[in-house]
């Protein structure tokens, strides 16, 4: 089906499947959603945003966990303060402590000046720790201490630093499986999962795929000053496909279709 979908979005664009439409409507500050499951999820996120508890967002890769985390931050009393995101899987184990907690001058070779870590950068705001189950075990212990007391030391430092940060963690793994496999400390799991939120995959979210595709196309139109649109046949293919890569796959495909389109532009 994917080759057929690509053909629909790309190959027959010049035949009217991706042509001219009215300018895009005003963007919503909420995540794009129309399916009842998604609307309930947004309402749940809005309610937890009003509190200051730790949130654990789970879901398949590409479902929009960071989008939801940013929405929680925007809806919270901390919205005027920074939102800082860290992908724990993207940072080498030897560097993660310095990235999160900062370091003092001379703490290690190349540390020519003191540097504030992500916790300090998020002071008063929200810190998202994505792919939390990829964090090394020793760092999980240090993170647990910060969550319990709001205090830590920079690498090579002797002065205790106090922070007031709302933590949101995210993972695409099953938490219990991660604990069973030794990837996540059980005590940390309980500390993170004060309020768990599970984001369903795109294939279980009804017409969200169609709405999201239009949203991504509207963004491209706004950026380039064009007014292209999908045909009914394109939307039928979008609804029929199961999207194993979820929202990320859909966004990438819409962008490729837009670039390859031969439809009229304004």
Protein backbone atom coordinates (compact mmCIF):
# COMPACT_ATOMS: atom_id res chain seq x y z
CA UNK A 1 0.00 0.00 0.00
CA UNK A 2 2.82 2.43 0.74
CA UNK A 3 4.04 2.55 -2.90
CA UNK A 4 0.45 3.12 -3.98
CA UNK A 5 0.08 5.89 -1.42
CA UNK A 6 3.29 7.50 -2.60
CA UNK A 7 2.07 7.31 -6.15
CA UNK A 8 -1.17 8.95 -5.13
CA UNK A 9 0.57 11.76 -3.28
CA UNK A 10 3.40 12.25 -5.77
CA UNK A 11 2.83 10.68 -9.15
CA UNK A 12 -0.68 11.98 -9.84
CA UNK A 13 -0.20 15.37 -8.24
CA UNK A 14 -0.29 17.14 -11.59
CA UNK A 15 -3.65 15.50 -12.31
CA UNK A 16 -5.31 17.43 -9.50
CA UNK A 17 -4.41 15.44 -6.41
CA UNK A 18 -2.30 18.26 -5.01
CA UNK A 19 -3.46 21.49 -6.59
CA UNK A 20 -4.80 24.87 -5.51
CA UNK A 21 -6.80 25.64 -2.41
CA UNK A 22 -7.71 28.65 -0.27
CA UNK A 23 -5.05 29.95 2.16
CA UNK A 24 -4.60 27.88 5.30
CA UNK A 25 -6.73 28.52 8.32
CA UNK A 26 -5.38 29.92 11.57
CA UNK A 27 -3.32 27.36 13.50
CA UNK A 28 -4.69 25.89 16.70
CA UNK A 29 -2.51 26.11 19.84
CA UNK A 30 -3.60 22.56 20.67
CA UNK A 31 -2.15 19.36 19.18
CA UNK A 32 -3.97 18.48 15.97
CA UNK A 33 -6.67 15.95 16.84
CA UNK A 34 -10.24 15.05 15.95
CA UNK A 35 -10.54 11.42 17.06
CA UNK A 36 -12.34 10.98 20.42
CA UNK A 37 -9.31 9.13 21.84
CA UNK A 38 -7.08 12.04 20.93
CA UNK A 39 -9.48 14.63 22.30
CA UNK A 40 -9.65 12.76 25.61
CA UNK A 41 -5.87 12.64 25.65
CA UNK A 42 -5.62 16.40 25.17
CA UNK A 43 -8.15 17.04 27.92
CA UNK A 44 -6.19 14.75 30.24
CA UNK A 45 -2.98 16.62 29.41
CA UNK A 46 -4.69 19.94 30.05
CA UNK A 47 -5.82 18.79 33.49
CA UNK A 48 -2.43 17.46 34.56
CA UNK A 49 -0.77 20.64 33.24
CA UNK A 50 -2.50 22.63 35.96
CA UNK A 51 -0.65 20.58 38.58
CA UNK A 52 3.09 20.32 39.16
CA UNK A 53 3.43 16.53 39.23
CA UNK A 54 5.88 14.48 37.20
CA UNK A 55 4.44 13.06 33.97
CA UNK A 56 5.51 9.95 32.09
CA UNK A 57 4.47 9.88 28.42
CA UNK A 58 4.59 6.51 26.66
CA UNK A 59 3.89 5.53 23.06
CA UNK A 60 5.41 4.21 19.88
CA UNK A 61 8.16 6.15 18.16
CA UNK A 62 6.81 9.05 16.14
CA UNK A 63 3.43 9.34 17.87
CA UNK A 64 4.03 12.90 19.07
CA UNK A 65 5.17 12.45 22.68
CA UNK A 66 7.25 15.63 22.61
CA UNK A 67 4.35 17.56 21.04
CA UNK A 68 2.20 16.50 23.98
CA UNK A 69 4.93 17.42 26.47
CA UNK A 70 5.21 20.90 24.93
CA UNK A 71 1.43 21.28 25.13
CA UNK A 72 1.50 20.39 28.85
CA UNK A 73 4.18 23.03 29.37
CA UNK A 74 2.23 25.70 27.45
CA UNK A 75 -0.89 24.98 29.49
CA UNK A 76 0.94 25.02 32.83
CA UNK A 77 1.72 27.89 35.22
CA UNK A 78 5.34 27.45 34.07
CA UNK A 79 4.59 28.43 30.45
CA UNK A 80 6.55 31.70 30.66
CA UNK A 81 9.67 29.81 31.73
CA UNK A 82 11.91 27.59 29.52
CA UNK A 83 10.97 24.25 28.00
CA UNK A 84 14.12 22.15 27.59
CA UNK A 85 14.17 18.76 25.82
CA UNK A 86 16.92 16.14 26.09
CA UNK A 87 17.08 12.86 24.15
CA UNK A 88 18.91 10.51 26.52
CA UNK A 89 19.62 8.04 23.70
CA UNK A 90 21.40 10.67 21.60
CA UNK A 91 24.03 11.63 24.19
CA UNK A 92 27.11 9.47 24.87
CA UNK A 93 27.11 7.94 28.34
CA UNK A 94 30.34 9.74 29.27
CA UNK A 95 28.78 13.13 28.50
CA UNK A 96 25.27 12.73 29.89
CA UNK A 97 26.01 13.82 33.45
CA UNK A 98 27.67 17.03 32.25
CA UNK A 99 24.81 17.71 29.85
CA UNK A 100 22.15 17.29 32.54
CA UNK A 101 23.88 18.76 35.58
CA UNK A 102 26.55 20.99 34.06
CA UNK A 103 30.22 21.16 34.97
CA UNK A 104 32.80 23.47 36.48
CA UNK A 105 35.91 24.77 34.83
CA UNK A 106 38.66 22.16 34.88
CA UNK A 107 36.26 19.30 35.68
CA UNK A 108 37.71 17.34 32.75
CA UNK A 109 39.97 17.85 29.78
CA UNK A 110 38.49 20.53 27.58
CA UNK A 111 36.32 22.10 30.28
CA UNK A 112 37.78 25.58 29.88
CA UNK A 113 34.76 27.32 31.43
CA UNK A 114 31.88 26.48 33.73
CA UNK A 115 28.71 25.39 31.97
CA UNK A 116 25.11 25.17 33.22
CA UNK A 117 23.38 21.87 32.51
CA UNK A 118 19.86 21.25 31.24
CA UNK A 119 18.35 21.24 34.73
CA UNK A 120 19.65 24.74 35.38
CA UNK A 121 18.64 25.90 31.91
CA UNK A 122 15.09 24.74 32.63
CA UNK A 123 14.94 26.54 35.99
CA UNK A 124 11.32 27.40 36.78
CA UNK A 125 10.13 25.63 33.63
CA UNK A 126 9.84 22.13 32.24
CA UNK A 127 12.49 19.54 31.41
CA UNK A 128 11.63 16.70 29.02
CA UNK A 129 13.81 13.60 29.29
CA UNK A 130 13.03 11.62 26.16
CA UNK A 131 13.99 7.94 25.81
CA UNK A 132 14.41 7.76 29.57
CA UNK A 133 14.99 3.99 29.51
CA UNK A 134 18.25 4.59 27.61
CA UNK A 135 19.75 6.44 30.57
CA UNK A 136 22.65 4.53 32.22
CA UNK A 137 21.96 2.97 35.62
CA UNK A 138 24.33 5.24 37.56
CA UNK A 139 22.68 8.31 36.05
CA UNK A 140 19.27 6.96 37.02
CA UNK A 141 20.39 6.97 40.66
CA UNK A 142 21.50 10.59 40.39
CA UNK A 143 18.28 11.56 38.64
CA UNK A 144 16.27 9.92 41.41
CA UNK A 145 18.08 12.05 43.99
CA UNK A 146 17.32 15.22 42.04
CA UNK A 147 13.65 14.29 41.76
CA UNK A 148 13.42 13.64 45.48
CA UNK A 149 15.28 16.72 46.68
CA UNK A 150 15.65 19.16 43.81
CA UNK A 151 19.39 19.39 44.50
CA UNK A 152 22.55 18.30 42.69
CA UNK A 153 26.19 19.17 42.09
CA UNK A 154 27.78 20.12 38.80
CA UNK A 155 30.51 17.77 37.60
CA UNK A 156 33.64 18.86 39.43
CA UNK A 157 31.67 21.21 41.64
CA UNK A 158 31.37 21.50 45.43
CA UNK A 159 28.45 23.88 45.66
CA UNK A 160 24.99 22.34 45.89
CA UNK A 161 22.56 23.72 43.31
CA UNK A 162 18.82 23.93 43.95
CA UNK A 163 16.39 23.74 41.05
CA UNK A 164 12.64 24.05 40.65
CA UNK A 165 11.83 22.11 37.49
CA UNK A 166 8.78 20.20 36.32
CA UNK A 167 9.96 16.89 34.84
CA UNK A 168 8.29 15.07 31.96
CA UNK A 169 9.80 11.74 30.91
CA UNK A 170 9.02 9.86 27.70
CA UNK A 171 9.72 6.41 26.30
CA UNK A 172 8.60 4.12 23.49
CA UNK A 173 9.23 1.02 25.62
CA UNK A 174 6.96 -0.89 27.95
CA UNK A 175 7.94 0.28 31.43
CA UNK A 176 7.53 -3.09 33.09
CA UNK A 177 9.58 -4.78 30.35
CA UNK A 178 12.26 -2.12 30.77
CA UNK A 179 12.37 -2.85 34.51
CA UNK A 180 12.47 -6.61 33.92
CA UNK A 181 15.33 -6.18 31.44
CA UNK A 182 17.30 -4.01 33.85
CA UNK A 183 17.00 -0.91 31.67
CA UNK A 184 15.04 1.10 34.23
CA UNK A 185 15.24 1.11 38.01
CA UNK A 186 11.94 0.16 39.58
CA UNK A 187 12.11 2.95 42.15
CA UNK A 188 12.75 5.47 39.39
CA UNK A 189 9.81 4.10 37.41
CA UNK A 190 7.48 4.72 40.32
CA UNK A 191 8.92 8.22 40.80
CA UNK A 192 8.49 9.11 37.14
CA UNK A 193 5.06 7.56 36.64
CA UNK A 194 3.22 9.84 39.07
CA UNK A 195 0.89 10.61 36.19
CA UNK A 196 1.31 8.26 33.19
CA UNK A 197 -0.12 9.21 29.79
CA UNK A 198 -0.16 6.73 26.90
CA UNK A 199 -0.25 8.21 23.39
CA UNK A 200 -2.02 5.81 20.97
CA UNK A 201 -0.46 5.05 17.57
CA UNK A 202 -1.75 6.96 14.58
CA UNK A 203 -3.48 3.86 13.16
CA UNK A 204 -5.82 3.87 16.19
CA UNK A 205 -6.73 7.54 15.95
CA UNK A 206 -9.48 7.58 13.34
CA UNK A 207 -9.36 10.61 11.08
CA UNK A 208 -6.39 12.21 12.81
CA UNK A 209 -4.12 11.16 9.93
CA UNK A 210 -6.17 13.17 7.44
CA UNK A 211 -6.28 16.20 9.72
CA UNK A 212 -2.56 16.00 10.46
CA UNK A 213 -1.71 15.70 6.75
CA UNK A 214 -3.71 18.86 6.07
CA UNK A 215 -2.00 20.59 9.00
CA UNK A 216 1.47 19.76 7.66
CA UNK A 217 0.46 20.87 4.17
CA UNK A 218 -0.91 24.14 5.56
CA UNK A 219 2.42 24.76 7.30
CA UNK A 220 4.28 24.21 4.03
CA UNK A 221 1.87 26.47 2.17
CA UNK A 222 2.27 29.22 4.78
CA UNK A 223 6.04 28.99 4.64
CA UNK A 224 6.29 29.15 0.85
CA UNK A 225 3.28 31.35 0.11
CA UNK A 226 1.55 28.60 -1.88
CA UNK A 227 -1.95 27.15 -1.61
CA UNK A 228 -1.80 23.49 -2.61
CA UNK A 229 -4.34 20.92 -1.48
CA UNK A 230 -5.03 17.19 -1.32
CA UNK A 231 -7.67 15.54 -3.44
CA UNK A 232 -10.32 13.22 -2.03
CA UNK A 233 -8.42 10.23 -3.44
CA UNK A 234 -5.27 11.23 -1.55
CA UNK A 235 -7.20 11.46 1.70
CA UNK A 236 -8.70 8.02 1.08
CA UNK A 237 -5.20 6.56 0.75
CA UNK A 238 -4.04 8.41 3.86
CA UNK A 239 -6.92 6.98 5.89
CA UNK A 240 -6.36 3.45 4.57
CA UNK A 241 -2.63 3.21 5.34
CA UNK A 242 -1.58 1.92 8.80
CA UNK A 243 1.41 4.32 9.30
CA UNK A 244 3.99 2.18 11.14
CA UNK A 245 6.16 5.30 11.51
CA UNK A 246 3.20 7.22 12.94
CA UNK A 247 3.04 11.02 12.73
CA UNK A 248 6.71 11.38 11.84
CA UNK A 249 6.28 9.16 8.77
CA UNK A 250 3.18 11.08 7.71
CA UNK A 251 4.91 14.45 8.04
CA UNK A 252 7.91 13.32 6.00
CA UNK A 253 5.71 11.92 3.26
CA UNK A 254 3.63 15.10 3.01
CA UNK A 255 6.82 17.13 2.71
CA UNK A 256 8.16 14.91 -0.07
CA UNK A 257 4.85 15.09 -1.89
CA UNK A 258 4.85 18.88 -1.60
CA UNK A 259 8.35 19.18 -2.99
CA UNK A 260 7.64 16.87 -5.94
CA UNK A 261 4.27 18.37 -6.79
CA UNK A 262 3.75 20.12 -10.10
CA UNK A 263 0.52 21.78 -9.05
CA UNK A 264 0.04 25.53 -9.39
CA UNK A 265 1.49 27.87 -6.76
CA UNK A 266 0.60 31.49 -6.00
